[in-house]
Amino acid sequence: MNPNTLLQLHYLKLAARFSVGFVWLWEGLVPKVLFPDQRQFDMVLRSGWWWGSPLATLQVLGIAQIIAGLILMSGWLEKLGQIVATLAVVVMMFLVIGNDPAALHDPFGGIAKDACLFTCSAVVFFLSGRTRDIAAAC
């Protein structure tokens, strides 16, 4: 493969990695920490899986998502990070749909976004380590 193609693939991987991390950071910061959403609060309350209070749990989850987003964007443990992020999204999808079936047809829901996250994670996973050497040389 020629160096220009490898460099383009490297930039594609970086963009995909940043996109996945940004979604995690945003989803933790905005609807959980800065502007807690009533719907998410209600899902935590209905789940019965909260510590202290549903709001505190929502904020702790938000902080965890922010940290995960920063780690994903940084590329630290790149392949493992994408695997863990993808599995976490699958688990959260089932938890959300189990607690709020209306999320399946919510126009602002995450099902379509999650499909894009899976694709971006796959790009990062499969290009990880394959483009780094040529990008470092350029």
C-alpha atoms as a PDB file:
ATOM      1  CA  MET A   1       0.000   0.000   0.000  1.00  0.00           C
ATOM      2  CA  ASN A   2       1.410   3.399  -0.841  1.00  0.00           C
ATOM      3  CA  PRO A   3       2.352   5.850   1.949  1.00  0.00           C
ATOM      4  CA  ASN A   4      -0.353   8.385   1.018  1.00  0.00           C
ATOM      5  CA  THR A   5      -3.063   5.762   1.358  1.00  0.00           C
ATOM      6  CA  LEU A   6      -1.669   4.644   4.714  1.00  0.00           C
ATOM      7  CA  LEU A   7      -1.569   8.239   5.910  1.00  0.00           C
ATOM      8  CA  GLN A   8      -5.179   8.761   4.828  1.00  0.00           C
ATOM      9  CA  LEU A   9      -6.191   5.583   6.666  1.00  0.00           C
ATOM     10  CA  HIS A  10      -4.351   6.824   9.745  1.00  0.00           C
ATOM     11  CA  TYR A  11      -6.294  10.103   9.648  1.00  0.00           C
ATOM     12  CA  LEU A  12      -9.526   8.170   9.109  1.00  0.00           C
ATOM     13  CA  LYS A  13      -8.748   6.093  12.199  1.00  0.00           C
ATOM     14  CA  LEU A  14      -7.993   9.226  14.237  1.00  0.00           C
ATOM     15  CA  ALA A  15     -11.269  10.837  13.141  1.00  0.00           C
ATOM     16  CA  ALA A  16     -13.231   7.686  14.005  1.00  0.00           C
ATOM     17  CA  ARG A  17     -11.473   7.382  17.376  1.00  0.00           C
ATOM     18  CA  PHE A  18     -12.142  11.035  18.200  1.00  0.00           C
ATOM     19  CA  SER A  19     -15.794  10.656  17.146  1.00  0.00           C
ATOM     20  CA  VAL A  20     -16.386   7.680  19.443  1.00  0.00           C
ATOM     21  CA  GLY A  21     -14.673   9.423  22.341  1.00  0.00           C
ATOM     22  CA  PHE A  22     -16.533  12.663  21.737  1.00  0.00           C
ATOM     23  CA  VAL A  23     -19.915  10.925  21.862  1.00  0.00           C
ATOM     24  CA  TRP A  24     -18.983   9.327  25.201  1.00  0.00           C
ATOM     25  CA  LEU A  25     -17.721  12.645  26.579  1.00  0.00           C
ATOM     26  CA  TRP A  26     -20.787  14.572  25.362  1.00  0.00           C
ATOM     27  CA  GLU A  27     -23.297  11.979  26.570  1.00  0.00           C
ATOM     28  CA  GLY A  28     -21.701  12.074  30.012  1.00  0.00           C
ATOM     29  CA  LEU A  29     -21.235  15.822  30.287  1.00  0.00           C
ATOM     30  CA  VAL A  30     -24.369  17.356  28.831  1.00  0.00           C
ATOM     31  CA  PRO A  31     -27.403  15.192  29.718  1.00  0.00           C
ATOM     32  CA  LYS A  32     -25.989  13.733  32.941  1.00  0.00           C
ATOM     33  CA  VAL A  33     -23.715  16.314  34.586  1.00  0.00           C
ATOM     34  CA  LEU A  34     -24.576  19.787  33.254  1.00  0.00           C
ATOM     35  CA  PHE A  35     -28.250  19.373  32.352  1.00  0.00           C
ATOM     36  CA  PRO A  36     -29.640  16.194  33.915  1.00  0.00           C
ATOM     37  CA  ASP A  37     -32.486  14.977  31.765  1.00  0.00           C
ATOM     38  CA  GLN A  38     -35.750  13.948  33.442  1.00  0.00           C
ATOM     39  CA  ARG A  39     -36.100  10.911  31.199  1.00  0.00           C
ATOM     40  CA  GLN A  40     -32.654   9.585  32.153  1.00  0.00           C
ATOM     41  CA  PHE A  41     -33.352  10.381  35.813  1.00  0.00           C
ATOM     42  CA  ASP A  42     -36.602   8.393  35.598  1.00  0.00           C
ATOM     43  CA  MET A  43     -34.826   5.425  33.976  1.00  0.00           C
ATOM     44  CA  VAL A  44     -32.255   5.331  36.797  1.00  0.00           C
ATOM     45  CA  LEU A  45     -35.043   5.622  39.370  1.00  0.00           C
ATOM     46  CA  ARG A  46     -37.095   2.814  37.776  1.00  0.00           C
ATOM     47  CA  SER A  47     -34.062   0.554  37.454  1.00  0.00           C
ATOM     48  CA  GLY A  48     -33.518   0.511  41.221  1.00  0.00           C
ATOM     49  CA  TRP A  49     -29.770   0.475  40.514  1.00  0.00           C
ATOM     50  CA  TRP A  50     -28.748   3.710  42.163  1.00  0.00           C
ATOM     51  CA  TRP A  51     -26.465   4.710  45.008  1.00  0.00           C
ATOM     52  CA  GLY A  52     -27.364   7.552  47.331  1.00  0.00           C
ATOM     53  CA  SER A  53     -29.903   9.029  44.943  1.00  0.00           C
ATOM     54  CA  PRO A  54     -30.835   8.631  41.290  1.00  0.00           C
ATOM     55  CA  LEU A  55     -29.405  12.086  40.539  1.00  0.00           C
ATOM     56  CA  ALA A  56     -26.064  11.287  42.211  1.00  0.00           C
ATOM     57  CA  THR A  57     -25.908   8.006  40.301  1.00  0.00           C
ATOM     58  CA  LEU A  58     -26.665   9.773  37.030  1.00  0.00           C
ATOM     59  CA  GLN A  59     -23.871  12.266  37.716  1.00  0.00           C
ATOM     60  CA  VAL A  60     -21.371   9.512  38.641  1.00  0.00           C
ATOM     61  CA  LEU A  61     -22.292   7.708  35.415  1.00  0.00           C
ATOM     62  CA  GLY A  62     -21.787  10.972  33.551  1.00  0.00           C
ATOM     63  CA  ILE A  63     -18.332  11.480  35.062  1.00  0.00           C
ATOM     64  CA  ALA A  64     -17.430   7.881  34.172  1.00  0.00           C
ATOM     65  CA  GLN A  65     -18.548   8.514  30.585  1.00  0.00           C
ATOM     66  CA  ILE A  66     -16.487  11.713  30.418  1.00  0.00           C
ATOM     67  CA  ILE A  67     -13.397   9.829  31.595  1.00  0.00           C
ATOM     68  CA  ALA A  68     -14.096   7.014  29.124  1.00  0.00           C
ATOM     69  CA  GLY A  69     -14.475   9.553  26.324  1.00  0.00           C
ATOM     70  CA  LEU A  70     -11.140  11.178  27.120  1.00  0.00           C
ATOM     71  CA  ILE A  71      -9.439   7.775  27.239  1.00  0.00           C
ATOM     72  CA  LEU A  72     -10.997   6.776  23.918  1.00  0.00           C
ATOM     73  CA  MET A  73      -9.943  10.031  22.272  1.00  0.00           C
ATOM     74  CA  SER A  74      -6.394   9.699  23.599  1.00  0.00           C
ATOM     75  CA  GLY A  75      -5.901   6.288  22.002  1.00  0.00           C
ATOM     76  CA  TRP A  76      -4.642   4.729  25.232  1.00  0.00           C
ATOM     77  CA  LEU A  77      -5.148   0.952  24.964  1.00  0.00           C
ATOM     78  CA  GLU A  78      -6.769   1.673  21.619  1.00  0.00           C
ATOM     79  CA  LYS A  79      -8.106  -1.757  20.641  1.00  0.00           C
ATOM     80  CA  LEU A  80      -9.193  -2.715  24.156  1.00  0.00           C
ATOM     81  CA  GLY A  81     -10.865   0.667  24.574  1.00  0.00           C
ATOM     82  CA  GLN A  82     -12.954   0.161  21.446  1.00  0.00           C
ATOM     83  CA  ILE A  83     -13.972  -3.360  22.507  1.00  0.00           C
ATOM     84  CA  VAL A  84     -14.998  -2.194  25.986  1.00  0.00           C
ATOM     85  CA  ALA A  85     -16.841   0.830  24.562  1.00  0.00           C
ATOM     86  CA  THR A  86     -18.756  -1.336  22.081  1.00  0.00           C
ATOM     87  CA  LEU A  87     -19.732  -3.877  24.741  1.00  0.00           C
ATOM     88  CA  ALA A  88     -20.781  -1.069  27.088  1.00  0.00           C
ATOM     89  CA  VAL A  89     -23.002   0.427  24.372  1.00  0.00           C
ATOM     90  CA  VAL A  90     -24.669  -2.956  23.804  1.00  0.00           C
ATOM     91  CA  VAL A  91     -25.302  -3.370  27.551  1.00  0.00           C
ATOM     92  CA  MET A  92     -26.645   0.191  27.841  1.00  0.00           C
ATOM     93  CA  MET A  93     -28.926  -0.355  24.834  1.00  0.00           C
ATOM     94  CA  PHE A  94     -30.549  -3.331  26.542  1.00  0.00           C
ATOM     95  CA  LEU A  95     -30.807  -1.531  29.881  1.00  0.00           C
ATOM     96  CA  VAL A  96     -32.353   1.559  28.311  1.00  0.00           C
ATOM     97  CA  ILE A  97     -34.819  -0.372  26.143  1.00  0.00           C
ATOM     98  CA  GLY A  98     -35.683  -2.619  29.087  1.00  0.00           C
ATOM     99  CA  ASN A  99     -36.500   0.400  31.256  1.00  0.00           C
ATOM    100  CA  ASP A 100     -37.985   2.585  28.540  1.00  0.00           C
ATOM    101  CA  PRO A 101     -39.278   0.698  25.465  1.00  0.00           C
ATOM    102  CA  ALA A 102     -40.291   4.037  23.904  1.00  0.00           C
ATOM    103  CA  ALA A 103     -36.564   4.650  23.343  1.00  0.00           C
ATOM    104  CA  LEU A 104     -36.829   2.387  20.291  1.00  0.00           C
ATOM    105  CA  HIS A 105     -38.901   4.946  18.407  1.00  0.00           C
ATOM    106  CA  ASP A 106     -37.651   8.129  20.052  1.00  0.00           C
ATOM    107  CA  PRO A 107     -36.611  10.580  17.303  1.00  0.00           C
ATOM    108  CA  PHE A 108     -33.687  11.638  19.516  1.00  0.00           C
ATOM    109  CA  GLY A 109     -32.889   8.069  20.548  1.00  0.00           C
ATOM    110  CA  GLY A 110     -29.556   6.436  20.318  1.00  0.00           C
ATOM    111  CA  ILE A 111     -30.175   3.348  18.176  1.00  0.00           C
ATOM    112  CA  ALA A 112     -28.984   4.972  14.940  1.00  0.00           C
ATOM    113  CA  LYS A 113     -26.168   6.749  16.799  1.00  0.00           C
ATOM    114  CA  ASP A 114     -25.101   3.446  18.324  1.00  0.00           C
ATOM    115  CA  ALA A 115     -24.849   1.854  14.871  1.00  0.00           C
ATOM    116  CA  CYS A 116     -22.496   4.665  13.868  1.00  0.00           C
ATOM    117  CA  LEU A 117     -20.466   4.128  17.049  1.00  0.00           C
ATOM    118  CA  PHE A 118     -20.111   0.440  16.203  1.00  0.00           C
ATOM    119  CA  THR A 119     -18.845   1.321  12.731  1.00  0.00           C
ATOM    120  CA  CYS A 120     -16.358   3.904  13.993  1.00  0.00           C
ATOM    121  CA  SER A 121     -15.109   1.502  16.667  1.00  0.00           C
ATOM    122  CA  ALA A 122     -14.623  -1.187  14.025  1.00  0.00           C
ATOM    123  CA  VAL A 123     -12.586   1.242  11.883  1.00  0.00           C
ATOM    124  CA  VAL A 124     -10.372   2.101  14.856  1.00  0.00           C
ATOM    125  CA  PHE A 125     -10.024  -1.533  15.893  1.00  0.00           C
ATOM    126  CA  PHE A 126      -9.044  -2.830  12.460  1.00  0.00           C
ATOM    127  CA  LEU A 127      -6.694   0.041  11.612  1.00  0.00           C
ATOM    128  CA  SER A 128      -5.038   0.173  15.032  1.00  0.00           C
ATOM    129  CA  GLY A 129      -1.330  -0.446  14.742  1.00  0.00           C
ATOM    130  CA  ARG A 130      -1.436  -0.757  10.953  1.00  0.00           C
ATOM    131  CA  THR A 131      -1.065   2.924  10.108  1.00  0.00           C
ATOM    132  CA  ARG A 132       0.947   4.242  13.060  1.00  0.00           C
ATOM    133  CA  ASP A 133       4.438   3.589  11.625  1.00  0.00           C
ATOM    134  CA  ILE A 134       3.849   5.360   8.333  1.00  0.00           C
ATOM    135  CA  ALA A 135       2.130   8.304  10.053  1.00  0.00           C
ATOM    136  CA  ALA A 136       5.077   8.689  12.424  1.00  0.00           C
ATOM    137  CA  ALA A 137       7.478   8.717   9.473  1.00  0.00           C
ATOM    138  CA  CYS A 138       5.568  11.490   7.655  1.00  0.00           C
END
